[in-house]
PDB file of N, CA and C in Angstrom:
ATOM      1  N   MET A   1     -35.752 -14.289  53.604  1.00  0.00           N
ATOM      2  CA  MET A   1     -34.596 -14.566  52.763  1.00  0.00           C
ATOM      3  C   MET A   1     -33.524 -15.258  53.605  1.00  0.00           C
ATOM      4  N   ASP A   2     -32.843 -16.231  53.015  1.00  0.00           N
ATOM      5  CA  ASP A   2     -31.798 -16.958  53.716  1.00  0.00           C
ATOM      6  C   ASP A   2     -30.583 -16.074  53.942  1.00  0.00           C
ATOM      7  N   SER A   3     -29.952 -16.274  55.097  1.00  0.00           N
ATOM      8  CA  SER A   3     -28.692 -15.587  55.326  1.00  0.00           C
ATOM      9  C   SER A   3     -27.608 -16.352  54.572  1.00  0.00           C
ATOM     10  N   VAL A   4     -26.480 -15.721  54.367  1.00  0.00           N
ATOM     11  CA  VAL A   4     -25.403 -16.342  53.592  1.00  0.00           C
ATOM     12  C   VAL A   4     -24.944 -17.650  54.221  1.00  0.00           C
ATOM     13  N   PRO A   5     -24.708 -17.725  55.552  1.00  0.00           N
ATOM     14  CA  PRO A   5     -24.276 -19.020  56.109  1.00  0.00           C
ATOM     15  C   PRO A   5     -25.302 -20.132  55.910  1.00  0.00           C
ATOM     16  N   VAL A   6     -26.574 -19.819  56.047  1.00  0.00           N
ATOM     17  CA  VAL A   6     -27.610 -20.832  55.857  1.00  0.00           C
ATOM     18  C   VAL A   6     -27.634 -21.284  54.401  1.00  0.00           C
ATOM     19  N   LEU A   7     -27.577 -20.361  53.482  1.00  0.00           N
ATOM     20  CA  LEU A   7     -27.570 -20.704  52.062  1.00  0.00           C
ATOM     21  C   LEU A   7     -26.329 -21.518  51.720  1.00  0.00           C
ATOM     22  N   ALA A   8     -25.178 -21.113  52.246  1.00  0.00           N
ATOM     23  CA  ALA A   8     -23.939 -21.849  51.979  1.00  0.00           C
ATOM     24  C   ALA A   8     -24.042 -23.283  52.480  1.00  0.00           C
ATOM     25  N   GLU A   9     -24.651 -23.470  53.633  1.00  0.00           N
ATOM     26  CA  GLU A   9     -24.840 -24.828  54.167  1.00  0.00           C
ATOM     27  C   GLU A   9     -25.764 -25.639  53.269  1.00  0.00           C
ATOM     28  N   ARG A  10     -26.822 -25.033  52.804  1.00  0.00           N
ATOM     29  CA  ARG A  10     -27.754 -25.728  51.906  1.00  0.00           C
ATOM     30  C   ARG A  10     -27.075 -26.116  50.595  1.00  0.00           C
ATOM     31  N   LEU A  11     -26.283 -25.212  50.054  1.00  0.00           N
ATOM     32  CA  LEU A  11     -25.588 -25.495  48.804  1.00  0.00           C
ATOM     33  C   LEU A  11     -24.591 -26.631  48.988  1.00  0.00           C
ATOM     34  N   GLU A  12     -23.887 -26.631  50.102  1.00  0.00           N
ATOM     35  CA  GLU A  12     -22.933 -27.713  50.366  1.00  0.00           C
ATOM     36  C   GLU A  12     -23.662 -29.041  50.529  1.00  0.00           C
ATOM     37  N   THR A  13     -24.820 -29.024  51.161  1.00  0.00           N
ATOM     38  CA  THR A  13     -25.612 -30.243  51.307  1.00  0.00           C
ATOM     39  C   THR A  13     -26.007 -30.779  49.940  1.00  0.00           C
ATOM     40  N   VAL A  14     -26.490 -29.918  49.071  1.00  0.00           N
ATOM     41  CA  VAL A  14     -26.889 -30.343  47.722  1.00  0.00           C
ATOM     42  C   VAL A  14     -25.674 -30.835  46.951  1.00  0.00           C
ATOM     43  N   ARG A  15     -24.568 -30.134  47.099  1.00  0.00           N
ATOM     44  CA  ARG A  15     -23.349 -30.493  46.372  1.00  0.00           C
ATOM     45  C   ARG A  15     -22.829 -31.880  46.734  1.00  0.00           C
ATOM     46  N   THR A  16     -23.071 -32.315  47.969  1.00  0.00           N
ATOM     47  CA  THR A  16     -22.522 -33.583  48.439  1.00  0.00           C
ATOM     48  C   THR A  16     -23.580 -34.674  48.614  1.00  0.00           C
ATOM     49  N   LEU A  17     -24.806 -34.386  48.270  1.00  0.00           N
ATOM     50  CA  LEU A  17     -25.906 -35.333  48.445  1.00  0.00           C
ATOM     51  C   LEU A  17     -25.723 -36.568  47.568  1.00  0.00           C
ATOM     52  N   ALA A  18     -26.036 -37.734  48.133  1.00  0.00           N
ATOM     53  CA  ALA A  18     -25.965 -38.985  47.367  1.00  0.00           C
ATOM     54  C   ALA A  18     -26.971 -38.940  46.218  1.00  0.00           C
ATOM     55  N   THR A  19     -26.664 -39.642  45.146  1.00  0.00           N
ATOM     56  CA  THR A  19     -27.501 -39.624  43.940  1.00  0.00           C
ATOM     57  C   THR A  19     -28.950 -39.984  44.234  1.00  0.00           C
ATOM     58  N   GLU A  20     -29.168 -41.024  45.034  1.00  0.00           N
ATOM     59  CA  GLU A  20     -30.543 -41.443  45.346  1.00  0.00           C
ATOM     60  C   GLU A  20     -31.312 -40.326  46.048  1.00  0.00           C
ATOM     61  N   ASN A  21     -30.647 -39.679  46.991  1.00  0.00           N
ATOM     62  CA  ASN A  21     -31.289 -38.582  47.725  1.00  0.00           C
ATOM     63  C   ASN A  21     -31.484 -37.358  46.837  1.00  0.00           C
ATOM     64  N   LEU A  22     -30.569 -37.168  45.911  1.00  0.00           N
ATOM     65  CA  LEU A  22     -30.675 -36.051  44.970  1.00  0.00           C
ATOM     66  C   LEU A  22     -31.926 -36.197  44.111  1.00  0.00           C
ATOM     67  N   GLU A  23     -32.161 -37.403  43.623  1.00  0.00           N
ATOM     68  CA  GLU A  23     -33.352 -37.656  42.812  1.00  0.00           C
ATOM     69  C   GLU A  23     -34.624 -37.434  43.616  1.00  0.00           C
ATOM     70  N   GLU A  24     -34.626 -37.867  44.875  1.00  0.00           N
ATOM     71  CA  GLU A  24     -35.790 -37.651  45.745  1.00  0.00           C
ATOM     72  C   GLU A  24     -36.034 -36.164  45.953  1.00  0.00           C
ATOM     73  N   LEU A  25     -34.962 -35.407  46.187  1.00  0.00           N
ATOM     74  CA  LEU A  25     -35.086 -33.963  46.378  1.00  0.00           C
ATOM     75  C   LEU A  25     -35.601 -33.295  45.107  1.00  0.00           C
ATOM     76  N   PHE A  26     -35.071 -33.701  43.956  1.00  0.00           N
ATOM     77  CA  PHE A  26     -35.493 -33.158  42.667  1.00  0.00           C
ATOM     78  C   PHE A  26     -37.001 -33.333  42.490  1.00  0.00           C
ATOM     79  N   LEU A  27     -37.479 -34.530  42.764  1.00  0.00           N
ATOM     80  CA  LEU A  27     -38.916 -34.805  42.637  1.00  0.00           C
ATOM     81  C   LEU A  27     -39.713 -34.099  43.728  1.00  0.00           C
ATOM     82  N   GLY A  28     -39.176 -34.070  44.937  1.00  0.00           N
ATOM     83  CA  GLY A  28     -39.860 -33.417  46.052  1.00  0.00           C
ATOM     84  C   GLY A  28     -40.066 -31.922  45.837  1.00  0.00           C
ATOM     85  N   LEU A  29     -39.140 -31.314  45.123  1.00  0.00           N
ATOM     86  CA  LEU A  29     -39.255 -29.881  44.815  1.00  0.00           C
ATOM     87  C   LEU A  29     -40.094 -29.634  43.559  1.00  0.00           C
ATOM     88  N   SER A  30     -40.605 -30.702  42.957  1.00  0.00           N
ATOM     89  CA  SER A  30     -41.411 -30.640  41.722  1.00  0.00           C
ATOM     90  C   SER A  30     -40.657 -29.974  40.575  1.00  0.00           C
ATOM     91  N   LEU A  31     -39.359 -30.221  40.507  1.00  0.00           N
ATOM     92  CA  LEU A  31     -38.549 -29.592  39.464  1.00  0.00           C
ATOM     93  C   LEU A  31     -38.728 -30.243  38.105  1.00  0.00           C
ATOM     94  N   GLU A  32     -39.303 -31.450  38.072  1.00  0.00           N
ATOM     95  CA  GLU A  32     -39.524 -32.101  36.781  1.00  0.00           C
ATOM     96  C   GLU A  32     -40.488 -31.310  35.905  1.00  0.00           C
ATOM     97  N   SER A  33     -41.315 -30.477  36.521  1.00  0.00           N
ATOM     98  CA  SER A  33     -42.258 -29.667  35.743  1.00  0.00           C
ATOM     99  C   SER A  33     -41.613 -28.380  35.215  1.00  0.00           C
ATOM    100  N   ARG A  34     -40.430 -28.039  35.731  1.00  0.00           N
ATOM    101  CA  ARG A  34     -39.773 -26.799  35.323  1.00  0.00           C
ATOM    102  C   ARG A  34     -38.464 -27.023  34.567  1.00  0.00           C
ATOM    103  N   ALA A  35     -37.866 -28.175  34.764  1.00  0.00           N
ATOM    104  CA  ALA A  35     -36.561 -28.468  34.160  1.00  0.00           C
ATOM    105  C   ALA A  35     -36.742 -29.048  32.754  1.00  0.00           C
ATOM    106  N   PRO A  36     -35.705 -28.986  31.932  1.00  0.00           N
ATOM    107  CA  PRO A  36     -35.774 -29.571  30.584  1.00  0.00           C
ATOM    108  C   PRO A  36     -35.678 -31.107  30.653  1.00  0.00           C
ATOM    109  N   ILE A  37     -36.802 -31.737  30.976  1.00  0.00           N
ATOM    110  CA  ILE A  37     -36.848 -33.179  31.218  1.00  0.00           C
ATOM    111  C   ILE A  37     -36.444 -33.981  29.978  1.00  0.00           C
ATOM    112  N   GLY A  38     -36.839 -33.547  28.807  1.00  0.00           N
ATOM    113  CA  GLY A  38     -36.451 -34.246  27.585  1.00  0.00           C
ATOM    114  C   GLY A  38     -34.942 -34.339  27.459  1.00  0.00           C
ATOM    115  N   PHE A  39     -34.254 -33.250  27.781  1.00  0.00           N
ATOM    116  CA  PHE A  39     -32.796 -33.239  27.738  1.00  0.00           C
ATOM    117  C   PHE A  39     -32.225 -34.189  28.796  1.00  0.00           C
ATOM    118  N   LEU A  40     -32.742 -34.101  30.024  1.00  0.00           N
ATOM    119  CA  LEU A  40     -32.247 -34.971  31.097  1.00  0.00           C
ATOM    120  C   LEU A  40     -32.437 -36.441  30.765  1.00  0.00           C
ATOM    121  N   ASN A  41     -33.613 -36.783  30.282  1.00  0.00           N
ATOM    122  CA  ASN A  41     -33.903 -38.177  29.953  1.00  0.00           C
ATOM    123  C   ASN A  41     -33.089 -38.674  28.765  1.00  0.00           C
ATOM    124  N   GLY A  42     -32.640 -37.763  27.922  1.00  0.00           N
ATOM    125  CA  GLY A  42     -31.862 -38.138  26.756  1.00  0.00           C
ATOM    126  C   GLY A  42     -30.369 -38.320  27.032  1.00  0.00           C
ATOM    127  N   LEU A  43     -29.937 -37.979  28.230  1.00  0.00           N
ATOM    128  CA  LEU A  43     -28.517 -38.127  28.557  1.00  0.00           C
ATOM    129  C   LEU A  43     -28.161 -39.599  28.686  1.00  0.00           C
ATOM    130  N   GLU A  44     -27.102 -39.998  28.029  1.00  0.00           N
ATOM    131  CA  GLU A  44     -26.710 -41.405  28.023  1.00  0.00           C
ATOM    132  C   GLU A  44     -26.019 -41.824  29.315  1.00  0.00           C
ATOM    133  N   LYS A  45     -25.249 -40.936  29.902  1.00  0.00           N
ATOM    134  CA  LYS A  45     -24.497 -41.278  31.108  1.00  0.00           C
ATOM    135  C   LYS A  45     -25.290 -40.872  32.354  1.00  0.00           C
ATOM    136  N   ALA A  46     -25.413 -41.802  33.283  1.00  0.00           N
ATOM    137  CA  ALA A  46     -26.113 -41.523  34.535  1.00  0.00           C
ATOM    138  C   ALA A  46     -25.434 -40.385  35.288  1.00  0.00           C
ATOM    139  N   ASN A  47     -24.109 -40.321  35.220  1.00  0.00           N
ATOM    140  CA  ASN A  47     -23.378 -39.264  35.909  1.00  0.00           C
ATOM    141  C   ASN A  47     -23.720 -37.889  35.335  1.00  0.00           C
ATOM    142  N   ASP A  48     -23.912 -37.800  34.031  1.00  0.00           N
ATOM    143  CA  ASP A  48     -24.302 -36.519  33.422  1.00  0.00           C
ATOM    144  C   ASP A  48     -25.670 -36.083  33.931  1.00  0.00           C
ATOM    145  N   ARG A  49     -26.580 -37.024  34.046  1.00  0.00           N
ATOM    146  CA  ARG A  49     -27.918 -36.715  34.578  1.00  0.00           C
ATOM    147  C   ARG A  49     -27.811 -36.214  36.018  1.00  0.00           C
ATOM    148  N   THR A  50     -26.975 -36.870  36.804  1.00  0.00           N
ATOM    149  CA  THR A  50     -26.786 -36.464  38.201  1.00  0.00           C
ATOM    150  C   THR A  50     -26.203 -35.060  38.279  1.00  0.00           C
ATOM    151  N   ILE A  51     -25.205 -34.781  37.453  1.00  0.00           N
ATOM    152  CA  ILE A  51     -24.589 -33.451  37.427  1.00  0.00           C
ATOM    153  C   ILE A  51     -25.633 -32.393  37.075  1.00  0.00           C
ATOM    154  N   CYS A  52     -26.464 -32.675  36.086  1.00  0.00           N
ATOM    155  CA  CYS A  52     -27.487 -31.713  35.669  1.00  0.00           C
ATOM    156  C   CYS A  52     -28.549 -31.516  36.747  1.00  0.00           C
ATOM    157  N   MET A  53     -28.987 -32.599  37.373  1.00  0.00           N
ATOM    158  CA  MET A  53     -29.980 -32.456  38.446  1.00  0.00           C
ATOM    159  C   MET A  53     -29.398 -31.629  39.592  1.00  0.00           C
ATOM    160  N   ARG A  54     -28.137 -31.858  39.899  1.00  0.00           N
ATOM    161  CA  ARG A  54     -27.485 -31.096  40.971  1.00  0.00           C
ATOM    162  C   ARG A  54     -27.423 -29.610  40.594  1.00  0.00           C
ATOM    163  N   ALA A  55     -27.078 -29.326  39.340  1.00  0.00           N
ATOM    164  CA  ALA A  55     -27.016 -27.930  38.880  1.00  0.00           C
ATOM    165  C   ALA A  55     -28.387 -27.271  38.940  1.00  0.00           C
ATOM    166  N   ILE A  56     -29.415 -28.010  38.573  1.00  0.00           N
ATOM    167  CA  ILE A  56     -30.783 -27.479  38.612  1.00  0.00           C
ATOM    168  C   ILE A  56     -31.170 -27.141  40.042  1.00  0.00           C
ATOM    169  N   ILE A  57     -30.898 -28.043  40.963  1.00  0.00           N
ATOM    170  CA  ILE A  57     -31.258 -27.810  42.369  1.00  0.00           C
ATOM    171  C   ILE A  57     -30.444 -26.655  42.944  1.00  0.00           C
ATOM    172  N   LEU A  58     -29.157 -26.583  42.616  1.00  0.00           N
ATOM    173  CA  LEU A  58     -28.336 -25.471  43.103  1.00  0.00           C
ATOM    174  C   LEU A  58     -28.863 -24.131  42.609  1.00  0.00           C
ATOM    175  N   CYS A  59     -29.201 -24.059  41.338  1.00  0.00           N
ATOM    176  CA  CYS A  59     -29.755 -22.828  40.773  1.00  0.00           C
ATOM    177  C   CYS A  59     -31.073 -22.469  41.453  1.00  0.00           C
ATOM    178  N   TYR A  60     -31.903 -23.463  41.655  1.00  0.00           N
ATOM    179  CA  TYR A  60     -33.187 -23.275  42.323  1.00  0.00           C
ATOM    180  C   TYR A  60     -32.974 -22.702  43.725  1.00  0.00           C
ATOM    181  N   CYS A  61     -31.994 -23.245  44.454  1.00  0.00           N
ATOM    182  CA  CYS A  61     -31.712 -22.760  45.817  1.00  0.00           C
ATOM    183  C   CYS A  61     -31.166 -21.333  45.813  1.00  0.00           C
ATOM    184  N   VAL A  62     -30.208 -21.070  44.931  1.00  0.00           N
ATOM    185  CA  VAL A  62     -29.575 -19.752  44.876  1.00  0.00           C
ATOM    186  C   VAL A  62     -30.574 -18.660  44.524  1.00  0.00           C
ATOM    187  N   THR A  63     -31.541 -18.985  43.674  1.00  0.00           N
ATOM    188  CA  THR A  63     -32.519 -17.979  43.236  1.00  0.00           C
ATOM    189  C   THR A  63     -33.804 -18.033  44.066  1.00  0.00           C
ATOM    190  N   LEU A  64     -33.736 -18.757  45.185  1.00  0.00           N
ATOM    191  CA  LEU A  64     -34.888 -18.885  46.086  1.00  0.00           C
ATOM    192  C   LEU A  64     -36.124 -19.414  45.352  1.00  0.00           C
ATOM    193  N   GLY A  65     -35.893 -20.389  44.480  1.00  0.00           N
ATOM    194  CA  GLY A  65     -36.987 -21.049  43.785  1.00  0.00           C
ATOM    195  C   GLY A  65     -37.504 -20.336  42.553  1.00  0.00           C
ATOM    196  N   GLU A  66     -36.832 -19.286  42.147  1.00  0.00           N
ATOM    197  CA  GLU A  66     -37.310 -18.501  41.009  1.00  0.00           C
ATOM    198  C   GLU A  66     -36.873 -19.048  39.655  1.00  0.00           C
ATOM    199  N   GLN A  67     -35.670 -19.651  39.584  1.00  0.00           N
ATOM    200  CA  GLN A  67     -35.141 -20.029  38.283  1.00  0.00           C
ATOM    201  C   GLN A  67     -34.561 -21.436  38.304  1.00  0.00           C
ATOM    202  N   VAL A  68     -34.601 -22.063  37.160  1.00  0.00           N
ATOM    203  CA  VAL A  68     -33.871 -23.310  36.919  1.00  0.00           C
ATOM    204  C   VAL A  68     -33.169 -23.162  35.571  1.00  0.00           C
ATOM    205  N   PRO A  69     -32.049 -23.840  35.384  1.00  0.00           N
ATOM    206  CA  PRO A  69     -31.314 -23.699  34.122  1.00  0.00           C
ATOM    207  C   PRO A  69     -32.073 -24.280  32.932  1.00  0.00           C
ATOM    208  N   HIS A  70     -31.829 -23.694  31.782  1.00  0.00           N
ATOM    209  CA  HIS A  70     -32.351 -24.220  30.517  1.00  0.00           C
ATOM    210  C   HIS A  70     -31.365 -25.237  29.963  1.00  0.00           C
ATOM    211  N   GLU A  71     -31.765 -25.908  28.907  1.00  0.00           N
ATOM    212  CA  GLU A  71     -30.930 -26.948  28.314  1.00  0.00           C
ATOM    213  C   GLU A  71     -29.533 -26.446  27.961  1.00  0.00           C
ATOM    214  N   MET A  72     -29.422 -25.305  27.328  1.00  0.00           N
ATOM    215  CA  MET A  72     -28.108 -24.811  26.909  1.00  0.00           C
ATOM    216  C   MET A  72     -27.216 -24.539  28.125  1.00  0.00           C
ATOM    217  N   GLN A  73     -27.798 -24.055  29.202  1.00  0.00           N
ATOM    218  CA  GLN A  73     -27.012 -23.825  30.412  1.00  0.00           C
ATOM    219  C   GLN A  73     -26.529 -25.149  31.002  1.00  0.00           C
ATOM    220  N   LEU A  74     -27.360 -26.165  30.945  1.00  0.00           N
ATOM    221  CA  LEU A  74     -26.956 -27.478  31.438  1.00  0.00           C
ATOM    222  C   LEU A  74     -25.866 -28.076  30.550  1.00  0.00           C
ATOM    223  N   ARG A  75     -25.949 -27.827  29.266  1.00  0.00           N
ATOM    224  CA  ARG A  75     -24.892 -28.286  28.355  1.00  0.00           C
ATOM    225  C   ARG A  75     -23.561 -27.630  28.729  1.00  0.00           C
ATOM    226  N   ALA A  76     -23.612 -26.355  29.112  1.00  0.00           N
ATOM    227  CA  ALA A  76     -22.398 -25.644  29.533  1.00  0.00           C
ATOM    228  C   ALA A  76     -21.844 -26.245  30.827  1.00  0.00           C
ATOM    229  N   VAL A  77     -22.720 -26.612  31.743  1.00  0.00           N
ATOM    230  CA  VAL A  77     -22.285 -27.256  32.987  1.00  0.00           C
ATOM    231  C   VAL A  77     -21.574 -28.561  32.664  1.00  0.00           C
ATOM    232  N   LEU A  78     -22.158 -29.373  31.786  1.00  0.00           N
ATOM    233  CA  LEU A  78     -21.531 -30.641  31.416  1.00  0.00           C
ATOM    234  C   LEU A  78     -20.195 -30.416  30.714  1.00  0.00           C
ATOM    235  N   ALA A  79     -20.137 -29.434  29.843  1.00  0.00           N
ATOM    236  CA  ALA A  79     -18.893 -29.145  29.132  1.00  0.00           C
ATOM    237  C   ALA A  79     -17.820 -28.695  30.110  1.00  0.00           C
ATOM    238  N   ASP A  80     -18.212 -27.942  31.123  1.00  0.00           N
ATOM    239  CA  ASP A  80     -17.271 -27.443  32.118  1.00  0.00           C
ATOM    240  C   ASP A  80     -16.654 -28.586  32.917  1.00  0.00           C
ATOM    241  N   GLN A  81     -17.344 -29.698  33.045  1.00  0.00           N
ATOM    242  CA  GLN A  81     -16.832 -30.848  33.786  1.00  0.00           C
ATOM    243  C   GLN A  81     -15.645 -31.488  33.080  1.00  0.00           C
ATOM    244  N   THR A  82     -15.536 -31.269  31.792  1.00  0.00           N
ATOM    245  CA  THR A  82     -14.495 -31.938  31.016  1.00  0.00           C
ATOM    246  C   THR A  82     -13.279 -31.058  30.760  1.00  0.00           C
ATOM    247  N   VAL A  83     -13.293 -29.839  31.248  1.00  0.00           N
ATOM    248  CA  VAL A  83     -12.194 -28.908  30.990  1.00  0.00           C
ATOM    249  C   VAL A  83     -11.105 -29.091  32.049  1.00  0.00           C
ATOM    250  N   GLY A  84      -9.935 -29.475  31.629  1.00  0.00           N
ATOM    251  CA  GLY A  84      -8.730 -29.642  32.435  1.00  0.00           C
ATOM    252  C   GLY A  84      -8.804 -29.359  33.918  1.00  0.00           C
ATOM    253  N   ASN A  85      -8.034 -28.398  34.356  1.00  0.00           N
ATOM    254  CA  ASN A  85      -7.883 -28.108  35.782  1.00  0.00           C
ATOM    255  C   ASN A  85      -8.797 -26.997  36.269  1.00  0.00           C
ATOM    256  N   ARG A  86      -9.705 -26.554  35.447  1.00  0.00           N
ATOM    257  CA  ARG A  86     -10.615 -25.488  35.866  1.00  0.00           C
ATOM    258  C   ARG A  86     -11.553 -25.980  36.937  1.00  0.00           C
ATOM    259  N   MET A  87     -12.002 -25.080  37.776  1.00  0.00           N
ATOM    260  CA  MET A  87     -12.954 -25.431  38.820  1.00  0.00           C
ATOM    261  C   MET A  87     -14.337 -25.539  38.201  1.00  0.00           C
ATOM    262  N   PRO A  88     -14.987 -26.691  38.323  1.00  0.00           N
ATOM    263  CA  PRO A  88     -16.331 -26.813  37.765  1.00  0.00           C
ATOM    264  C   PRO A  88     -17.282 -25.762  38.328  1.00  0.00           C
ATOM    265  N   ILE A  89     -18.247 -25.379  37.523  1.00  0.00           N
ATOM    266  CA  ILE A  89     -19.189 -24.315  37.864  1.00  0.00           C
ATOM    267  C   ILE A  89     -19.868 -24.563  39.191  1.00  0.00           C
ATOM    268  N   MET A  90     -20.311 -25.781  39.447  1.00  0.00           N
ATOM    269  CA  MET A  90     -21.076 -26.050  40.669  1.00  0.00           C
ATOM    270  C   MET A  90     -20.227 -25.839  41.920  1.00  0.00           C
ATOM    271  N   ARG A  91     -18.935 -26.186  41.882  1.00  0.00           N
ATOM    272  CA  ARG A  91     -18.076 -25.937  43.032  1.00  0.00           C
ATOM    273  C   ARG A  91     -17.816 -24.453  43.178  1.00  0.00           C
ATOM    274  N   ALA A  92     -17.696 -23.756  42.060  1.00  0.00           N
ATOM    275  CA  ALA A  92     -17.450 -22.322  42.102  1.00  0.00           C
ATOM    276  C   ALA A  92     -18.610 -21.585  42.750  1.00  0.00           C
ATOM    277  N   ILE A  93     -19.840 -22.016  42.474  1.00  0.00           N
ATOM    278  CA  ILE A  93     -21.009 -21.351  43.049  1.00  0.00           C
ATOM    279  C   ILE A  93     -20.966 -21.430  44.563  1.00  0.00           C
ATOM    280  N   SER A  94     -20.758 -22.621  45.111  1.00  0.00           N
ATOM    281  CA  SER A  94     -20.807 -22.768  46.558  1.00  0.00           C
ATOM    282  C   SER A  94     -19.555 -22.228  47.245  1.00  0.00           C
ATOM    283  N   SER A  95     -18.429 -22.174  46.561  1.00  0.00           N
ATOM    284  CA  SER A  95     -17.205 -21.701  47.207  1.00  0.00           C
ATOM    285  C   SER A  95     -17.151 -20.187  47.298  1.00  0.00           C
ATOM    286  N   ARG A  96     -17.980 -19.487  46.558  1.00  0.00           N
ATOM    287  CA  ARG A  96     -17.962 -18.023  46.577  1.00  0.00           C
ATOM    288  C   ARG A  96     -18.839 -17.442  47.671  1.00  0.00           C
ATOM    289  N   LEU A  97     -19.589 -18.276  48.355  1.00  0.00           N
ATOM    290  CA  LEU A  97     -20.462 -17.770  49.425  1.00  0.00           C
ATOM    291  C   LEU A  97     -19.777 -17.833  50.758  1.00  0.00           C
TER     292      LEU A  97
END
């Protein structure tokens, strides 16, 4: 099991990873077979897809590969991005470690 500092470093890496590298990591972890691909492919904005892929990878890391978010959870992540001054969910996850 990862120690908290190691996990925190991994989460920060995922949080700041360039989009191209994020897509490579997503495919490298074979998350396309576990994630709601229909939902991801249906997103009109490239940034929304990137946000969702990042959330999927973060969840995967936090749960040590056990879980990935479902479509409704990803919708909540996207909705959280549009709420005023609140801290987005993905930053909150990594800042609490």
